[in-house]
Amino acid sequence: MNRTIRWGFALALLPLAACADNTPAPAPTVPAGPPPLAAADAAFITAAAQGGLAEIQEAQLAQTMSHNARVRAFASKMTTDHSKVDDQLKQLAMTKGVMLPTAPSDMQMQQMTTLQGLMGHKFDHEYVADQVSDHQQMLQLFQTEAQTGTDPDLKTFAANSVPVLQSHLDAANALAKPSMMHRSMRHHTTS
């Protein structure tokens, strides 16, 4: 009889044991977004995106407004190269969860407005001068990110972009030399 009571007692405890292990399952974890970027890295993305947009817009304007073949060729290269760099930046920004600006800065827009009001040699001279100044600033921005940025992907992107920006600055400086501008203008006036 003792044996029957023990079995009965064990059978009575079985449903209780099953209930005791009825703890709620942990909620499924939602994958976290990318870790937040340091303020300097986020500022780099914004400035680089705005600079790229400005370069492309000014280059497209130069391709239609300039009568100087060298300036148009330079502008064509700016459009191509900056479009590639901007595409890479868009991909990086997406992986970092950063929204890119859709327009250049106010100052860059003012530069564009100034250029739109110029023609001929004045346009070419102002466009090339802007390109020298803008590429000096962009080169410094990218070099700083490559050296002191905290995000390894952005540092690599910046470092890989520095040679392209340096070649743009060198080309803009060569165009800015008075002898190059005047030679191109003489060639244009004799054609």
Protein backbone atom coordinates (compact mmCIF):
# COMPACT_ATOMS: atom_id res chain seq x y z
CA MET A 1 0.00 0.00 0.00
CA ASN A 2 2.85 2.32 0.73
CA ARG A 3 4.01 1.74 -2.73
CA THR A 4 0.68 2.73 -4.25
CA ILE A 5 0.58 5.94 -2.19
CA ARG A 6 4.03 6.86 -3.30
CA TRP A 7 3.14 6.31 -6.96
CA GLY A 8 -0.06 8.28 -6.55
CA PHE A 9 1.80 11.08 -4.86
CA ALA A 10 4.45 11.08 -7.63
CA LEU A 11 1.75 11.16 -10.31
CA ALA A 12 0.02 14.04 -8.54
CA LEU A 13 3.24 16.05 -8.44
CA LEU A 14 4.01 15.50 -12.13
CA PRO A 15 1.61 18.19 -13.45
CA LEU A 16 2.91 20.58 -10.81
CA ALA A 17 6.47 19.98 -11.94
CA ALA A 18 5.49 20.73 -15.52
CA CYS A 19 3.90 24.01 -14.40
CA ALA A 20 6.94 25.00 -12.40
CA ASP A 21 9.06 24.99 -15.56
CA ASN A 22 6.60 27.23 -17.37
CA THR A 23 8.72 30.38 -17.27
CA PRO A 24 8.08 32.71 -20.19
CA ALA A 25 10.57 32.42 -23.00
CA PRO A 26 12.76 35.48 -23.44
CA ALA A 27 11.52 37.89 -26.07
CA PRO A 28 13.35 37.61 -29.35
CA THR A 29 16.11 40.16 -29.54
CA VAL A 30 15.83 42.81 -32.21
CA PRO A 31 19.11 43.28 -33.96
CA ALA A 32 20.62 46.55 -32.86
CA GLY A 33 21.45 49.15 -35.48
CA PRO A 34 24.98 50.19 -36.15
CA PRO A 35 26.75 51.72 -33.18
CA PRO A 36 26.52 55.51 -33.15
CA LEU A 37 29.35 57.34 -34.86
CA ALA A 38 31.57 59.81 -33.10
CA ALA A 39 30.50 63.40 -33.75
CA ALA A 40 33.62 64.11 -35.83
CA ASP A 41 32.98 61.06 -38.05
CA ALA A 42 29.34 62.07 -38.58
CA ALA A 43 30.42 65.63 -39.39
CA PHE A 44 32.91 64.25 -41.91
CA ILE A 45 30.17 62.30 -43.69
CA THR A 46 27.98 65.40 -43.93
CA ALA A 47 30.78 67.70 -45.13
CA ALA A 48 32.07 65.14 -47.63
CA ALA A 49 28.58 64.56 -49.04
CA GLN A 50 27.88 68.28 -49.38
CA GLY A 51 31.27 68.88 -50.97
CA GLY A 52 30.71 66.09 -53.46
CA LEU A 53 27.28 67.40 -54.40
CA ALA A 54 28.70 70.89 -54.92
CA GLU A 55 31.58 69.57 -57.05
CA ILE A 56 29.20 67.64 -59.31
CA GLN A 57 26.75 70.53 -59.71
CA GLU A 58 29.50 73.07 -60.46
CA ALA A 59 31.15 70.66 -62.89
CA GLN A 60 27.88 70.10 -64.74
CA LEU A 61 27.46 73.86 -64.97
CA ALA A 62 31.01 74.26 -66.30
CA GLN A 63 30.43 71.61 -68.94
CA THR A 64 27.60 73.70 -70.37
CA MET A 65 28.83 77.26 -69.65
CA SER A 66 32.56 77.12 -70.39
CA HIS A 67 33.92 77.69 -73.88
CA ASN A 68 37.38 76.53 -72.76
CA ALA A 69 38.05 72.91 -73.80
CA ARG A 70 40.46 72.34 -70.90
CA VAL A 71 37.97 73.61 -68.36
CA ARG A 72 35.21 71.43 -69.85
CA ALA A 73 37.51 68.38 -69.78
CA PHE A 74 38.42 69.09 -66.15
CA ALA A 75 34.71 69.49 -65.29
CA SER A 76 33.89 66.19 -66.99
CA LYS A 77 36.53 64.44 -64.87
CA MET A 78 35.12 66.09 -61.73
CA THR A 79 31.64 64.79 -62.53
CA THR A 80 32.89 61.25 -63.11
CA ASP A 81 35.29 61.05 -60.17
CA HIS A 82 33.07 62.75 -57.59
CA SER A 83 30.09 60.60 -58.62
CA LYS A 84 32.15 57.48 -57.87
CA VAL A 85 33.33 58.83 -54.51
CA ASP A 86 29.79 59.92 -53.64
CA ASP A 87 28.43 56.44 -54.45
CA GLN A 88 30.97 54.91 -52.07
CA LEU A 89 30.06 57.44 -49.39
CA LYS A 90 26.34 56.66 -49.82
CA GLN A 91 27.02 52.97 -49.26
CA LEU A 92 29.09 53.69 -46.17
CA ALA A 93 26.51 56.10 -44.75
CA MET A 94 23.79 53.50 -45.23
CA THR A 95 25.76 50.87 -43.30
CA LYS A 96 26.44 53.42 -40.55
CA GLY A 97 22.80 54.49 -40.33
CA VAL A 98 23.55 58.10 -41.34
CA MET A 99 21.22 60.16 -43.51
CA LEU A 100 23.13 62.13 -46.13
CA PRO A 101 22.30 65.72 -47.02
CA THR A 102 20.52 66.12 -50.34
CA ALA A 103 21.97 69.53 -51.21
CA PRO A 104 25.24 71.40 -50.88
CA SER A 105 25.73 73.81 -47.98
CA ASP A 106 24.37 77.36 -48.16
CA MET A 107 27.85 78.71 -48.87
CA GLN A 108 28.33 76.20 -51.69
CA MET A 109 24.94 77.17 -53.12
CA GLN A 110 26.04 80.83 -53.08
CA GLN A 111 29.16 79.87 -55.05
CA MET A 112 26.93 78.15 -57.60
CA THR A 113 24.69 81.21 -57.88
CA THR A 114 27.74 83.42 -58.45
CA LEU A 115 28.99 81.11 -61.19
CA GLN A 116 25.60 81.06 -62.90
CA GLY A 117 25.80 84.84 -63.30
CA LEU A 118 29.16 84.78 -65.09
CA MET A 119 30.11 84.14 -68.70
CA GLY A 120 33.18 83.51 -70.80
CA HIS A 121 36.62 84.06 -69.31
CA LYS A 122 35.13 85.37 -66.05
CA PHE A 123 33.19 82.13 -65.61
CA ASP A 124 36.26 79.99 -66.33
CA HIS A 125 38.47 82.01 -64.02
CA GLU A 126 35.95 81.91 -61.12
CA TYR A 127 35.17 78.22 -61.63
CA VAL A 128 38.84 77.24 -61.60
CA ALA A 129 39.55 79.46 -58.58
CA ASP A 130 36.62 77.80 -56.75
CA GLN A 131 37.98 74.38 -57.67
CA VAL A 132 41.39 75.18 -56.21
CA SER A 133 39.86 76.47 -52.98
CA ASP A 134 37.25 73.72 -52.70
CA HIS A 135 39.75 70.93 -53.32
CA GLN A 136 42.17 72.37 -50.77
CA GLN A 137 39.36 72.23 -48.20
CA MET A 138 38.17 68.77 -49.25
CA LEU A 139 41.70 67.39 -49.26
CA GLN A 140 42.24 68.71 -45.72
CA LEU A 141 38.88 67.24 -44.61
CA PHE A 142 39.70 63.80 -46.00
CA GLN A 143 43.28 63.80 -44.69
CA THR A 144 42.05 64.70 -41.21
CA GLU A 145 39.49 61.88 -41.26
CA ALA A 146 42.09 59.41 -42.54
CA GLN A 147 44.46 60.35 -39.71
CA THR A 148 42.19 61.05 -36.75
CA GLY A 149 38.80 59.47 -37.51
CA THR A 150 37.56 56.84 -35.09
CA ASP A 151 35.54 54.68 -37.48
CA PRO A 152 37.87 52.28 -39.34
CA ASP A 153 35.65 52.10 -42.45
CA LEU A 154 35.48 55.88 -42.77
CA LYS A 155 39.22 56.18 -42.19
CA THR A 156 39.89 53.72 -45.01
CA PHE A 157 37.41 55.46 -47.33
CA ALA A 158 39.01 58.84 -46.62
CA ALA A 159 42.56 57.53 -47.06
CA ASN A 160 41.64 55.87 -50.37
CA SER A 161 40.03 59.11 -51.60
CA VAL A 162 43.00 61.37 -50.78
CA PRO A 163 44.99 60.56 -53.96
CA VAL A 164 41.96 61.34 -56.15
CA LEU A 165 41.41 64.67 -54.41
CA GLN A 166 45.12 65.49 -54.63
CA SER A 167 45.08 64.83 -58.39
CA HIS A 168 42.04 67.13 -58.70
CA LEU A 169 43.81 69.88 -56.77
CA ASP A 170 46.93 69.49 -58.92
CA ALA A 171 44.84 69.69 -62.10
CA ALA A 172 42.93 72.75 -60.83
CA ASN A 173 46.22 74.47 -59.88
CA ALA A 174 47.60 73.75 -63.36
CA LEU A 175 44.47 75.25 -64.93
CA ALA A 176 44.69 78.28 -62.65
CA LYS A 177 48.14 79.25 -63.91
CA PRO A 178 47.75 82.41 -65.98
CA SER A 179 49.72 80.96 -68.88
CA MET A 180 47.32 77.98 -69.15
CA MET A 181 44.21 80.13 -69.02
CA HIS A 182 45.53 82.65 -71.55
CA ARG A 183 46.84 79.96 -73.90
CA SER A 184 43.44 78.26 -73.84
CA MET A 185 41.68 81.57 -74.38
CA ARG A 186 43.93 82.44 -77.37
CA HIS A 187 43.24 79.03 -78.83
CA HIS A 188 39.52 79.55 -78.33
CA THR A 189 39.50 83.01 -79.94
CA THR A 190 41.45 81.80 -82.99
CA SER A 191 39.19 78.77 -83.57
